[in-house]
Every structure is written in C-alpha cells, then in structure tokens.
Amino acid sequence: MTRIRRGYRTRRRRTKIRLFASSFRGAHSRLTRTIIQQKIRALVSSYRDRERQKRTFRRLWVTRINAVIRENIVSYSYSRLINNLYKRQLLLNRKILSQIAILNRNCLYMISNDIILK
C-alpha cells in the first residue's frame, strides 16, 4: 500500500486556526489542540456576551431615564412614563429616550408633561 502524504492539507488547516488565535498568549496561540479548545471557548463567550451587552445597555437606558424624570417631578416615575407612552401610542424606545434625557432634559420634561396633561 502506498503512503499517503497529507502534510499540505493539515498545514493549511492548522494555519487557518492559528490565524484566529494569533492574539492569544502562550500555548493558546502555539499548540494546535489548545488553540482549538480556546477557539471554541472564545466563540461561546462572544455569543453569550452579545446577549449580555443588550441586557446591560437596556438597564443603563432605564436608569438614565428614571433619574432624569425623578429630578423634575417628585411623584412621577419611569414606570408611569413608559405606561403613559404606551397609552398614547408614542413610539419612542428607551435608547432614544435616554439620549434625549442626556442631551436635552427640557425636551424630555416637555414630553412627560404633555403625556400627563392629556
């Protein structure tokens, strides 16, 4: 039986894997088995943290809106603002509301006062 030489394909596959792990430290960027394990771990972490990032940003936006709303009117809170927005069918998401709260507080006050009076 003739000998099969697979060096080219193996080297090409390992080179591709090493390019992914080039920024890793120590054995994680040099040893093939360890690189494969670290690649799997990195991809799992990146998927998980993309979801976590969405969650944390939403929490930040809610906190900002709540802080600005409570400064202006003592008895008014974030939950009442969002509830009234839904009742009036105003399509402003939390990201936009938090940007308005940071950049132009008076505009947010006007929106909340307008909602209360109607």
PDB file of N, CA and C in Angstrom:
ATOM      1  N   MET A   1       0.840  -1.180   0.000  1.00  0.00           N
ATOM      2  CA  MET A   1       0.000   0.000   0.000  1.00  0.00           C
ATOM      3  C   MET A   1       0.886   1.244   0.000  1.00  0.00           C
ATOM      4  N   THR A   2       0.495   2.191  -0.836  1.00  0.00           N
ATOM      5  CA  THR A   2       1.330   3.396  -0.941  1.00  0.00           C
ATOM      6  C   THR A   2       1.073   4.349   0.223  1.00  0.00           C
ATOM      7  N   ARG A   3       2.079   5.136   0.482  1.00  0.00           N
ATOM      8  CA  ARG A   3       1.990   6.093   1.594  1.00  0.00           C
ATOM      9  C   ARG A   3       1.218   7.326   1.131  1.00  0.00           C
ATOM     10  N   ILE A   4       0.282   7.795   1.970  1.00  0.00           N
ATOM     11  CA  ILE A   4      -0.485   8.996   1.648  1.00  0.00           C
ATOM     12  C   ILE A   4       0.135  10.169   2.383  1.00  0.00           C
ATOM     13  N   ARG A   5       0.432  11.200   1.632  1.00  0.00           N
ATOM     14  CA  ARG A   5       1.024  12.382   2.251  1.00  0.00           C
ATOM     15  C   ARG A   5      -0.067  13.435   2.435  1.00  0.00           C
ATOM     16  N   ARG A   6      -0.294  13.846   3.697  1.00  0.00           N
ATOM     17  CA  ARG A   6      -1.359  14.801   3.974  1.00  0.00           C
ATOM     18  C   ARG A   6      -0.823  16.100   4.556  1.00  0.00           C
ATOM     19  N   GLY A   7       0.456  16.306   4.444  1.00  0.00           N
ATOM     20  CA  GLY A   7       1.078  17.458   5.094  1.00  0.00           C
ATOM     21  C   GLY A   7       0.494  18.784   4.642  1.00  0.00           C
ATOM     22  N   TYR A   8       0.211  18.918   3.358  1.00  0.00           N
ATOM     23  CA  TYR A   8      -0.259  20.191   2.806  1.00  0.00           C
ATOM     24  C   TYR A   8      -1.604  20.576   3.408  1.00  0.00           C
ATOM     25  N   ARG A   9      -2.551  19.653   3.395  1.00  0.00           N
ATOM     26  CA  ARG A   9      -3.902  19.962   3.912  1.00  0.00           C
ATOM     27  C   ARG A   9      -3.877  20.243   5.406  1.00  0.00           C
ATOM     28  N   THR A  10      -3.133  19.421   6.142  1.00  0.00           N
ATOM     29  CA  THR A  10      -3.060  19.595   7.594  1.00  0.00           C
ATOM     30  C   THR A  10      -2.439  20.939   7.936  1.00  0.00           C
ATOM     31  N   ARG A  11      -1.355  21.265   7.227  1.00  0.00           N
ATOM     32  CA  ARG A  11      -0.667  22.530   7.483  1.00  0.00           C
ATOM     33  C   ARG A  11      -1.585  23.712   7.174  1.00  0.00           C
ATOM     34  N   ARG A  12      -2.350  23.604   6.094  1.00  0.00           N
ATOM     35  CA  ARG A  12      -3.270  24.681   5.707  1.00  0.00           C
ATOM     36  C   ARG A  12      -4.380  24.859   6.755  1.00  0.00           C
ATOM     37  N   ARG A  13      -4.914  23.741   7.251  1.00  0.00           N
ATOM     38  CA  ARG A  13      -5.961  23.797   8.268  1.00  0.00           C
ATOM     39  C   ARG A  13      -5.424  24.395   9.569  1.00  0.00           C
ATOM     40  N   ARG A  14      -4.239  23.958   9.968  1.00  0.00           N
ATOM     41  CA  ARG A  14      -3.662  24.472  11.213  1.00  0.00           C
ATOM     42  C   ARG A  14      -3.287  25.951  11.095  1.00  0.00           C
ATOM     43  N   THR A  15      -2.844  26.363   9.938  1.00  0.00           N
ATOM     44  CA  THR A  15      -2.516  27.774   9.723  1.00  0.00           C
ATOM     45  C   THR A  15      -3.754  28.638   9.871  1.00  0.00           C
ATOM     46  N   LYS A  16      -4.873  28.148   9.331  1.00  0.00           N
ATOM     47  CA  LYS A  16      -6.136  28.879   9.440  1.00  0.00           C
ATOM     48  C   LYS A  16      -6.542  29.039  10.906  1.00  0.00           C
ATOM     49  N   ILE A  17      -6.378  27.964  11.673  1.00  0.00           N
ATOM     50  CA  ILE A  17      -6.728  28.003  13.093  1.00  0.00           C
ATOM     51  C   ILE A  17      -5.787  28.952  13.835  1.00  0.00           C
ATOM     52  N   ARG A  18      -4.487  28.915  13.478  1.00  0.00           N
ATOM     53  CA  ARG A  18      -3.502  29.765  14.164  1.00  0.00           C
ATOM     54  C   ARG A  18      -3.753  31.243  13.895  1.00  0.00           C
ATOM     55  N   LEU A  19      -4.266  31.573  12.737  1.00  0.00           N
ATOM     56  CA  LEU A  19      -4.578  32.973  12.434  1.00  0.00           C
ATOM     57  C   LEU A  19      -5.668  33.492  13.370  1.00  0.00           C
ATOM     58  N   PHE A  20      -6.619  32.632  13.702  1.00  0.00           N
ATOM     59  CA  PHE A  20      -7.681  33.030  14.626  1.00  0.00           C
ATOM     60  C   PHE A  20      -7.109  33.309  16.012  1.00  0.00           C
ATOM     61  N   ALA A  21      -6.136  32.476  16.426  1.00  0.00           N
ATOM     62  CA  ALA A  21      -5.613  32.556  17.788  1.00  0.00           C
ATOM     63  C   ALA A  21      -4.308  33.327  17.872  1.00  0.00           C
ATOM     64  N   SER A  22      -4.008  34.142  16.887  1.00  0.00           N
ATOM     65  CA  SER A  22      -2.714  34.821  16.876  1.00  0.00           C
ATOM     66  C   SER A  22      -2.562  35.815  18.020  1.00  0.00           C
ATOM     67  N   SER A  23      -3.671  36.333  18.525  1.00  0.00           N
ATOM     68  CA  SER A  23      -3.590  37.317  19.609  1.00  0.00           C
ATOM     69  C   SER A  23      -3.613  36.669  20.991  1.00  0.00           C
ATOM     70  N   PHE A  24      -3.818  35.355  21.059  1.00  0.00           N
ATOM     71  CA  PHE A  24      -3.842  34.678  22.351  1.00  0.00           C
ATOM     72  C   PHE A  24      -2.418  34.575  22.902  1.00  0.00           C
ATOM     73  N   ARG A  25      -2.307  34.315  24.222  1.00  0.00           N
ATOM     74  CA  ARG A  25      -0.993  34.283  24.858  1.00  0.00           C
ATOM     75  C   ARG A  25      -0.538  32.853  25.144  1.00  0.00           C
ATOM     76  N   GLY A  26       0.777  32.654  25.058  1.00  0.00           N
ATOM     77  CA  GLY A  26       1.384  31.389  25.454  1.00  0.00           C
ATOM     78  C   GLY A  26       0.983  30.234  24.558  1.00  0.00           C
ATOM     79  N   ALA A  27       0.720  29.086  25.193  1.00  0.00           N
ATOM     80  CA  ALA A  27       0.382  27.876  24.459  1.00  0.00           C
ATOM     81  C   ALA A  27      -0.924  28.018  23.697  1.00  0.00           C
ATOM     82  N   HIS A  28      -1.774  28.931  24.140  1.00  0.00           N
ATOM     83  CA  HIS A  28      -3.065  29.129  23.487  1.00  0.00           C
ATOM     84  C   HIS A  28      -2.909  29.645  22.052  1.00  0.00           C
ATOM     85  N   SER A  29      -1.732  30.145  21.721  1.00  0.00           N
ATOM     86  CA  SER A  29      -1.520  30.598  20.351  1.00  0.00           C
ATOM     87  C   SER A  29      -0.542  29.719  19.585  1.00  0.00           C
ATOM     88  N   ARG A  30       0.008  28.667  20.247  1.00  0.00           N
ATOM     89  CA  ARG A  30       1.021  27.843  19.592  1.00  0.00           C
ATOM     90  C   ARG A  30       0.641  26.390  19.396  1.00  0.00           C
ATOM     91  N   LEU A  31      -0.035  25.796  20.385  1.00  0.00           N
ATOM     92  CA  LEU A  31      -0.332  24.372  20.323  1.00  0.00           C
ATOM     93  C   LEU A  31      -1.707  24.147  19.705  1.00  0.00           C
ATOM     94  N   THR A  32      -1.767  23.253  18.718  1.00  0.00           N
ATOM     95  CA  THR A  32      -2.984  23.092  17.927  1.00  0.00           C
ATOM     96  C   THR A  32      -4.179  22.667  18.762  1.00  0.00           C
ATOM     97  N   ARG A  33      -4.017  21.687  19.625  1.00  0.00           N
ATOM     98  CA  ARG A  33      -5.152  21.218  20.432  1.00  0.00           C
ATOM     99  C   ARG A  33      -5.669  22.327  21.345  1.00  0.00           C
ATOM    100  N   THR A  34      -4.736  23.019  21.963  1.00  0.00           N
ATOM    101  CA  THR A  34      -5.123  24.099  22.865  1.00  0.00           C
ATOM    102  C   THR A  34      -5.789  25.229  22.099  1.00  0.00           C
ATOM    103  N   ILE A  35      -5.296  25.518  20.900  1.00  0.00           N
ATOM    104  CA  ILE A  35      -5.895  26.566  20.067  1.00  0.00           C
ATOM    105  C   ILE A  35      -7.343  26.223  19.746  1.00  0.00           C
ATOM    106  N   ILE A  36      -7.594  24.965  19.399  1.00  0.00           N
ATOM    107  CA  ILE A  36      -8.961  24.553  19.048  1.00  0.00           C
ATOM    108  C   ILE A  36      -9.892  24.734  20.244  1.00  0.00           C
ATOM    109  N   GLN A  37      -9.424  24.324  21.429  1.00  0.00           N
ATOM    110  CA  GLN A  37     -10.244  24.488  22.636  1.00  0.00           C
ATOM    111  C   GLN A  37     -10.516  25.956  22.928  1.00  0.00           C
ATOM    112  N   GLN A  38      -9.484  26.781  22.788  1.00  0.00           N
ATOM    113  CA  GLN A  38      -9.641  28.210  23.076  1.00  0.00           C
ATOM    114  C   GLN A  38     -10.529  28.898  22.045  1.00  0.00           C
ATOM    115  N   LYS A  39     -10.481  28.409  20.814  1.00  0.00           N
ATOM    116  CA  LYS A  39     -11.340  28.977  19.763  1.00  0.00           C
ATOM    117  C   LYS A  39     -12.808  28.712  20.098  1.00  0.00           C
ATOM    118  N   ILE A  40     -13.109  27.481  20.499  1.00  0.00           N
ATOM    119  CA  ILE A  40     -14.484  27.135  20.873  1.00  0.00           C
ATOM    120  C   ILE A  40     -14.934  28.001  22.043  1.00  0.00           C
ATOM    121  N   ARG A  41     -14.062  28.123  23.038  1.00  0.00           N
ATOM    122  CA  ARG A  41     -14.402  28.908  24.218  1.00  0.00           C
ATOM    123  C   ARG A  41     -14.628  30.384  23.872  1.00  0.00           C
ATOM    124  N   ALA A  42     -13.781  30.925  22.989  1.00  0.00           N
ATOM    125  CA  ALA A  42     -13.899  32.331  22.596  1.00  0.00           C
ATOM    126  C   ALA A  42     -15.203  32.585  21.852  1.00  0.00           C
ATOM    127  N   LEU A  43     -15.575  31.669  20.965  1.00  0.00           N
ATOM    128  CA  LEU A  43     -16.807  31.847  20.202  1.00  0.00           C
ATOM    129  C   LEU A  43     -18.037  31.745  21.093  1.00  0.00           C
ATOM    130  N   VAL A  44     -18.002  30.832  22.068  1.00  0.00           N
ATOM    131  CA  VAL A  44     -19.116  30.708  23.018  1.00  0.00           C
ATOM    132  C   VAL A  44     -19.253  31.980  23.837  1.00  0.00           C
ATOM    133  N   SER A  45     -18.110  32.496  24.309  1.00  0.00           N
ATOM    134  CA  SER A  45     -18.134  33.709  25.124  1.00  0.00           C
ATOM    135  C   SER A  45     -18.642  34.902  24.333  1.00  0.00           C
ATOM    136  N   SER A  46     -18.234  35.010  23.078  1.00  0.00           N
ATOM    137  CA  SER A  46     -18.656  36.167  22.287  1.00  0.00           C
ATOM    138  C   SER A  46     -20.155  36.123  22.022  1.00  0.00           C
ATOM    139  N   TYR A  47     -20.699  34.936  21.797  1.00  0.00           N
ATOM    140  CA  TYR A  47     -22.145  34.813  21.587  1.00  0.00           C
ATOM    141  C   TYR A  47     -22.894  35.190  22.858  1.00  0.00           C
ATOM    142  N   ARG A  48     -22.450  34.640  23.997  1.00  0.00           N
ATOM    143  CA  ARG A  48     -23.103  34.919  25.278  1.00  0.00           C
ATOM    144  C   ARG A  48     -23.034  36.405  25.618  1.00  0.00           C
ATOM    145  N   ASP A  49     -21.887  37.022  25.395  1.00  0.00           N
ATOM    146  CA  ASP A  49     -21.710  38.408  25.799  1.00  0.00           C
ATOM    147  C   ASP A  49     -22.411  39.391  24.875  1.00  0.00           C
ATOM    148  N   ARG A  50     -22.701  38.987  23.655  1.00  0.00           N
ATOM    149  CA  ARG A  50     -23.530  39.863  22.792  1.00  0.00           C
ATOM    150  C   ARG A  50     -24.918  39.992  23.380  1.00  0.00           C
ATOM    151  N   GLU A  51     -25.468  38.885  23.877  1.00  0.00           N
ATOM    152  CA  GLU A  51     -26.781  38.940  24.523  1.00  0.00           C
ATOM    153  C   GLU A  51     -26.710  39.734  25.826  1.00  0.00           C
ATOM    154  N   ARG A  52     -25.654  39.528  26.580  1.00  0.00           N
ATOM    155  CA  ARG A  52     -25.480  40.229  27.855  1.00  0.00           C
ATOM    156  C   ARG A  52     -25.338  41.736  27.632  1.00  0.00           C
ATOM    157  N   GLN A  53     -24.683  42.115  26.547  1.00  0.00           N
ATOM    158  CA  GLN A  53     -24.478  43.535  26.243  1.00  0.00           C
ATOM    159  C   GLN A  53     -25.812  44.237  25.999  1.00  0.00           C
ATOM    160  N   LYS A  54     -26.711  43.566  25.280  1.00  0.00           N
ATOM    161  CA  LYS A  54     -28.041  44.129  25.038  1.00  0.00           C
ATOM    162  C   LYS A  54     -28.754  44.374  26.363  1.00  0.00           C
ATOM    163  N   ARG A  55     -28.634  43.401  27.268  1.00  0.00           N
ATOM    164  CA  ARG A  55     -29.274  43.490  28.574  1.00  0.00           C
ATOM    165  C   ARG A  55     -28.727  44.663  29.392  1.00  0.00           C
ATOM    166  N   THR A  56     -27.400  44.801  29.419  1.00  0.00           N
ATOM    167  CA  THR A  56     -26.793  45.843  30.237  1.00  0.00           C
ATOM    168  C   THR A  56     -27.088  47.234  29.683  1.00  0.00           C
ATOM    169  N   PHE A  57     -27.114  47.373  28.363  1.00  0.00           N
ATOM    170  CA  PHE A  57     -27.426  48.675  27.786  1.00  0.00           C
ATOM    171  C   PHE A  57     -28.864  49.073  28.094  1.00  0.00           C
ATOM    172  N   ARG A  58     -29.770  48.125  28.040  1.00  0.00           N
ATOM    173  CA  ARG A  58     -31.162  48.438  28.358  1.00  0.00           C
ATOM    174  C   ARG A  58     -31.284  48.897  29.811  1.00  0.00           C
ATOM    175  N   ARG A  59     -30.569  48.226  30.720  1.00  0.00           N
ATOM    176  CA  ARG A  59     -30.575  48.645  32.129  1.00  0.00           C
ATOM    177  C   ARG A  59     -30.039  50.064  32.285  1.00  0.00           C
ATOM    178  N   LEU A  60     -28.988  50.385  31.539  1.00  0.00           N
ATOM    179  CA  LEU A  60     -28.405  51.727  31.599  1.00  0.00           C
ATOM    180  C   LEU A  60     -29.406  52.780  31.140  1.00  0.00           C
ATOM    181  N   TRP A  61     -30.081  52.495  30.015  1.00  0.00           N
ATOM    182  CA  TRP A  61     -31.057  53.452  29.483  1.00  0.00           C
ATOM    183  C   TRP A  61     -32.190  53.687  30.476  1.00  0.00           C
ATOM    184  N   VAL A  62     -32.687  52.616  31.087  1.00  0.00           N
ATOM    185  CA  VAL A  62     -33.783  52.725  32.054  1.00  0.00           C
ATOM    186  C   VAL A  62     -33.342  53.562  33.243  1.00  0.00           C
ATOM    187  N   THR A  63     -32.123  53.324  33.726  1.00  0.00           N
ATOM    188  CA  THR A  63     -31.613  54.073  34.870  1.00  0.00           C
ATOM    189  C   THR A  63     -31.507  55.556  34.557  1.00  0.00           C
ATOM    190  N   ARG A  64     -31.004  55.883  33.366  1.00  0.00           N
ATOM    191  CA  ARG A  64     -30.858  57.290  32.975  1.00  0.00           C
ATOM    192  C   ARG A  64     -32.208  57.996  32.895  1.00  0.00           C
ATOM    193  N   ILE A  65     -33.159  57.346  32.250  1.00  0.00           N
ATOM    194  CA  ILE A  65     -34.488  57.950  32.099  1.00  0.00           C
ATOM    195  C   ILE A  65     -35.114  58.166  33.468  1.00  0.00           C
ATOM    196  N   ASN A  66     -35.033  57.168  34.319  1.00  0.00           N
ATOM    197  CA  ASN A  66     -35.631  57.245  35.645  1.00  0.00           C
ATOM    198  C   ASN A  66     -35.016  58.384  36.457  1.00  0.00           C
ATOM    199  N   ALA A  67     -33.692  58.528  36.377  1.00  0.00           N
ATOM    200  CA  ALA A  67     -33.009  59.571  37.147  1.00  0.00           C
ATOM    201  C   ALA A  67     -33.465  60.959  36.715  1.00  0.00           C
ATOM    202  N   VAL A  68     -33.559  61.179  35.409  1.00  0.00           N
ATOM    203  CA  VAL A  68     -33.943  62.499  34.908  1.00  0.00           C
ATOM    204  C   VAL A  68     -35.404  62.793  35.215  1.00  0.00           C
ATOM    205  N   ILE A  69     -36.269  61.801  35.066  1.00  0.00           N
ATOM    206  CA  ILE A  69     -37.699  62.013  35.327  1.00  0.00           C
ATOM    207  C   ILE A  69     -37.933  62.348  36.797  1.00  0.00           C
ATOM    208  N   ARG A  70     -37.258  61.648  37.704  1.00  0.00           N
ATOM    209  CA  ARG A  70     -37.464  61.878  39.134  1.00  0.00           C
ATOM    210  C   ARG A  70     -36.916  63.229  39.584  1.00  0.00           C
ATOM    211  N   GLU A  71     -35.931  63.784  38.860  1.00  0.00           N
ATOM    212  CA  GLU A  71     -35.408  65.107  39.195  1.00  0.00           C
ATOM    213  C   GLU A  71     -36.479  66.176  39.035  1.00  0.00           C
ATOM    214  N   ASN A  72     -37.233  66.067  37.962  1.00  0.00           N
ATOM    215  CA  ASN A  72     -38.190  67.122  37.615  1.00  0.00           C
ATOM    216  C   ASN A  72     -39.447  67.058  38.459  1.00  0.00           C
ATOM    217  N   ILE A  73     -40.105  65.912  38.457  1.00  0.00           N
ATOM    218  CA  ILE A  73     -41.381  65.776  39.148  1.00  0.00           C
ATOM    219  C   ILE A  73     -41.230  64.703  40.219  1.00  0.00           C
ATOM    220  N   VAL A  74     -41.567  65.027  41.437  1.00  0.00           N
ATOM    221  CA  VAL A  74     -41.309  64.111  42.555  1.00  0.00           C
ATOM    222  C   VAL A  74     -42.163  62.848  42.461  1.00  0.00           C
ATOM    223  N   SER A  75     -43.436  62.991  42.135  1.00  0.00           N
ATOM    224  CA  SER A  75     -44.341  61.842  42.175  1.00  0.00           C
ATOM    225  C   SER A  75     -44.329  61.017  40.883  1.00  0.00           C
ATOM    226  N   TYR A  76     -43.570  61.429  39.910  1.00  0.00           N
ATOM    227  CA  TYR A  76     -43.570  60.761  38.613  1.00  0.00           C
ATOM    228  C   TYR A  76     -42.379  59.819  38.524  1.00  0.00           C
ATOM    229  N   SER A  77     -42.589  58.622  37.985  1.00  0.00           N
ATOM    230  CA  SER A  77     -41.502  57.654  37.907  1.00  0.00           C
ATOM    231  C   SER A  77     -41.378  57.113  36.486  1.00  0.00           C
ATOM    232  N   TYR A  78     -40.336  56.330  36.294  1.00  0.00           N
ATOM    233  CA  TYR A  78     -40.053  55.738  34.986  1.00  0.00           C
ATOM    234  C   TYR A  78     -41.199  54.852  34.514  1.00  0.00           C
ATOM    235  N   SER A  79     -41.710  54.029  35.416  1.00  0.00           N
ATOM    236  CA  SER A  79     -42.746  53.074  35.012  1.00  0.00           C
ATOM    237  C   SER A  79     -44.012  53.789  34.556  1.00  0.00           C
ATOM    238  N   ARG A  80     -44.355  54.870  35.244  1.00  0.00           N
ATOM    239  CA  ARG A  80     -45.541  55.644  34.845  1.00  0.00           C
ATOM    240  C   ARG A  80     -45.326  56.330  33.498  1.00  0.00           C
ATOM    241  N   LEU A  81     -44.093  56.815  33.262  1.00  0.00           N
ATOM    242  CA  LEU A  81     -43.770  57.446  31.977  1.00  0.00           C
ATOM    243  C   LEU A  81     -43.933  56.449  30.835  1.00  0.00           C
ATOM    244  N   ILE A  82     -43.371  55.273  30.982  1.00  0.00           N
ATOM    245  CA  ILE A  82     -43.440  54.251  29.926  1.00  0.00           C
ATOM    246  C   ILE A  82     -44.884  53.803  29.725  1.00  0.00           C
ATOM    247  N   ASN A  83     -45.629  53.642  30.810  1.00  0.00           N
ATOM    248  CA  ASN A  83     -47.026  53.251  30.720  1.00  0.00           C
ATOM    249  C   ASN A  83     -47.829  54.293  29.943  1.00  0.00           C
ATOM    250  N   ASN A  84     -47.604  55.556  30.252  1.00  0.00           N
ATOM    251  CA  ASN A  84     -48.314  56.627  29.546  1.00  0.00           C
ATOM    252  C   ASN A  84     -47.901  56.734  28.082  1.00  0.00           C
ATOM    253  N   LEU A  85     -46.620  56.452  27.805  1.00  0.00           N
ATOM    254  CA  LEU A  85     -46.166  56.445  26.411  1.00  0.00           C
ATOM    255  C   LEU A  85     -46.919  55.383  25.610  1.00  0.00           C
ATOM    256  N   TYR A  86     -47.077  54.201  26.203  1.00  0.00           N
ATOM    257  CA  TYR A  86     -47.807  53.134  25.513  1.00  0.00           C
ATOM    258  C   TYR A  86     -49.274  53.483  25.341  1.00  0.00           C
ATOM    259  N   LYS A  87     -49.865  54.122  26.362  1.00  0.00           N
ATOM    260  CA  LYS A  87     -51.268  54.511  26.253  1.00  0.00           C
ATOM    261  C   LYS A  87     -51.496  55.509  25.123  1.00  0.00           C
ATOM    262  N   ARG A  88     -50.557  56.457  24.992  1.00  0.00           N
ATOM    263  CA  ARG A  88     -50.673  57.487  23.940  1.00  0.00           C
ATOM    264  C   ARG A  88     -50.175  56.990  22.581  1.00  0.00           C
ATOM    265  N   GLN A  89     -49.632  55.778  22.571  1.00  0.00           N
ATOM    266  CA  GLN A  89     -49.095  55.142  21.365  1.00  0.00           C
ATOM    267  C   GLN A  89     -47.966  55.963  20.737  1.00  0.00           C
ATOM    268  N   LEU A  90     -47.083  56.491  21.592  1.00  0.00           N
ATOM    269  CA  LEU A  90     -45.890  57.194  21.121  1.00  0.00           C
ATOM    270  C   LEU A  90     -44.769  56.177  20.968  1.00  0.00           C
ATOM    271  N   LEU A  91     -44.205  56.109  19.790  1.00  0.00           N
ATOM    272  CA  LEU A  91     -43.188  55.103  19.515  1.00  0.00           C
ATOM    273  C   LEU A  91     -41.792  55.684  19.770  1.00  0.00           C
ATOM    274  N   LEU A  92     -41.449  55.782  21.047  1.00  0.00           N
ATOM    275  CA  LEU A  92     -40.102  56.207  21.433  1.00  0.00           C
ATOM    276  C   LEU A  92     -39.501  55.081  22.263  1.00  0.00           C
ATOM    277  N   ASN A  93     -38.418  54.498  21.763  1.00  0.00           N
ATOM    278  CA  ASN A  93     -37.824  53.413  22.542  1.00  0.00           C
ATOM    279  C   ASN A  93     -36.908  53.963  23.626  1.00  0.00           C
ATOM    280  N   ARG A  94     -36.436  53.095  24.493  1.00  0.00           N
ATOM    281  CA  ARG A  94     -35.676  53.515  25.660  1.00  0.00           C
ATOM    282  C   ARG A  94     -34.338  54.135  25.285  1.00  0.00           C
ATOM    283  N   LYS A  95     -33.752  53.668  24.202  1.00  0.00           N
ATOM    284  CA  LYS A  95     -32.465  54.220  23.771  1.00  0.00           C
ATOM    285  C   LYS A  95     -32.626  55.687  23.393  1.00  0.00           C
ATOM    286  N   ILE A  96     -33.632  55.981  22.602  1.00  0.00           N
ATOM    287  CA  ILE A  96     -33.884  57.357  22.170  1.00  0.00           C
ATOM    288  C   ILE A  96     -34.243  58.228  23.368  1.00  0.00           C
ATOM    289  N   LEU A  97     -35.084  57.720  24.257  1.00  0.00           N
ATOM    290  CA  LEU A  97     -35.467  58.491  25.439  1.00  0.00           C
ATOM    291  C   LEU A  97     -34.257  58.813  26.318  1.00  0.00           C
ATOM    292  N   SER A  98     -33.340  57.866  26.457  1.00  0.00           N
ATOM    293  CA  SER A  98     -32.163  58.129  27.286  1.00  0.00           C
ATOM    294  C   SER A  98     -31.248  59.153  26.618  1.00  0.00           C
ATOM    295  N   GLN A  99     -31.161  59.124  25.292  1.00  0.00           N
ATOM    296  CA  GLN A  99     -30.362  60.130  24.580  1.00  0.00           C
ATOM    297  C   GLN A  99     -30.961  61.517  24.766  1.00  0.00           C
ATOM    298  N   ILE A 100     -32.285  61.590  24.692  1.00  0.00           N
ATOM    299  CA  ILE A 100     -32.968  62.858  24.930  1.00  0.00           C
ATOM    300  C   ILE A 100     -32.723  63.317  26.365  1.00  0.00           C
ATOM    301  N   ALA A 101     -32.754  62.374  27.309  1.00  0.00           N
ATOM    302  CA  ALA A 101     -32.539  62.702  28.724  1.00  0.00           C
ATOM    303  C   ALA A 101     -31.149  63.278  28.957  1.00  0.00           C
ATOM    304  N   ILE A 102     -30.159  62.762  28.253  1.00  0.00           N
ATOM    305  CA  ILE A 102     -28.790  63.244  28.434  1.00  0.00           C
ATOM    306  C   ILE A 102     -28.581  64.581  27.721  1.00  0.00           C
ATOM    307  N   LEU A 103     -28.967  64.640  26.460  1.00  0.00           N
ATOM    308  CA  LEU A 103     -28.641  65.803  25.633  1.00  0.00           C
ATOM    309  C   LEU A 103     -29.572  66.985  25.862  1.00  0.00           C
ATOM    310  N   ASN A 104     -30.866  66.699  26.072  1.00  0.00           N
ATOM    311  CA  ASN A 104     -31.829  67.798  26.173  1.00  0.00           C
ATOM    312  C   ASN A 104     -32.907  67.426  27.183  1.00  0.00           C
ATOM    313  N   ARG A 105     -32.641  67.727  28.447  1.00  0.00           N
ATOM    314  CA  ARG A 105     -33.577  67.359  29.513  1.00  0.00           C
ATOM    315  C   ARG A 105     -34.912  68.059  29.357  1.00  0.00           C
ATOM    316  N   ASN A 106     -34.868  69.318  28.923  1.00  0.00           N
ATOM    317  CA  ASN A 106     -36.117  70.076  28.785  1.00  0.00           C
ATOM    318  C   ASN A 106     -37.075  69.407  27.810  1.00  0.00           C
ATOM    319  N   CYS A 107     -36.520  68.808  26.771  1.00  0.00           N
ATOM    320  CA  CYS A 107     -37.351  68.105  25.787  1.00  0.00           C
ATOM    321  C   CYS A 107     -38.050  66.914  26.442  1.00  0.00           C
ATOM    322  N   LEU A 108     -37.320  66.173  27.272  1.00  0.00           N
ATOM    323  CA  LEU A 108     -37.927  65.035  27.972  1.00  0.00           C
ATOM    324  C   LEU A 108     -38.995  65.513  28.955  1.00  0.00           C
ATOM    325  N   TYR A 109     -38.728  66.636  29.624  1.00  0.00           N
ATOM    326  CA  TYR A 109     -39.729  67.207  30.528  1.00  0.00           C
ATOM    327  C   TYR A 109     -40.988  67.586  29.762  1.00  0.00           C
ATOM    328  N   MET A 110     -40.787  68.173  28.589  1.00  0.00           N
ATOM    329  CA  MET A 110     -41.943  68.563  27.766  1.00  0.00           C
ATOM    330  C   MET A 110     -42.754  67.340  27.354  1.00  0.00           C
ATOM    331  N   ILE A 111     -42.056  66.274  26.951  1.00  0.00           N
ATOM    332  CA  ILE A 111     -42.744  65.043  26.549  1.00  0.00           C
ATOM    333  C   ILE A 111     -43.535  64.478  27.725  1.00  0.00           C
ATOM    334  N   SER A 112     -42.905  64.410  28.895  1.00  0.00           N
ATOM    335  CA  SER A 112     -43.590  63.827  30.060  1.00  0.00           C
ATOM    336  C   SER A 112     -44.755  64.694  30.502  1.00  0.00           C
ATOM    337  N   ASN A 113     -44.609  66.022  30.477  1.00  0.00           N
ATOM    338  CA  ASN A 113     -45.698  66.908  30.857  1.00  0.00           C
ATOM    339  C   ASN A 113     -46.861  66.804  29.867  1.00  0.00           C
ATOM    340  N   ASP A 114     -46.524  66.681  28.605  1.00  0.00           N
ATOM    341  CA  ASP A 114     -47.544  66.558  27.563  1.00  0.00           C
ATOM    342  C   ASP A 114     -48.353  65.274  27.754  1.00  0.00           C
ATOM    343  N   ILE A 115     -47.685  64.218  28.131  1.00  0.00           N
ATOM    344  CA  ILE A 115     -48.348  62.933  28.357  1.00  0.00           C
ATOM    345  C   ILE A 115     -49.275  63.011  29.572  1.00  0.00           C
ATOM    346  N   ILE A 116     -48.790  63.656  30.640  1.00  0.00           N
ATOM    347  CA  ILE A 116     -49.578  63.748  31.876  1.00  0.00           C
ATOM    348  C   ILE A 116     -50.868  64.523  31.648  1.00  0.00           C
ATOM    349  N   LEU A 117     -50.752  65.639  30.916  1.00  0.00           N
ATOM    350  CA  LEU A 117     -51.918  66.529  30.770  1.00  0.00           C
ATOM    351  C   LEU A 117     -53.015  65.939  29.894  1.00  0.00           C
ATOM    352  N   LYS A 118     -52.646  65.095  28.946  1.00  0.00           N
ATOM    353  CA  LYS A 118     -53.665  64.552  28.029  1.00  0.00           C
ATOM    354  C   LYS A 118     -54.441  63.432  28.645  1.00  0.00           C
TER     355      LYS A 118
END
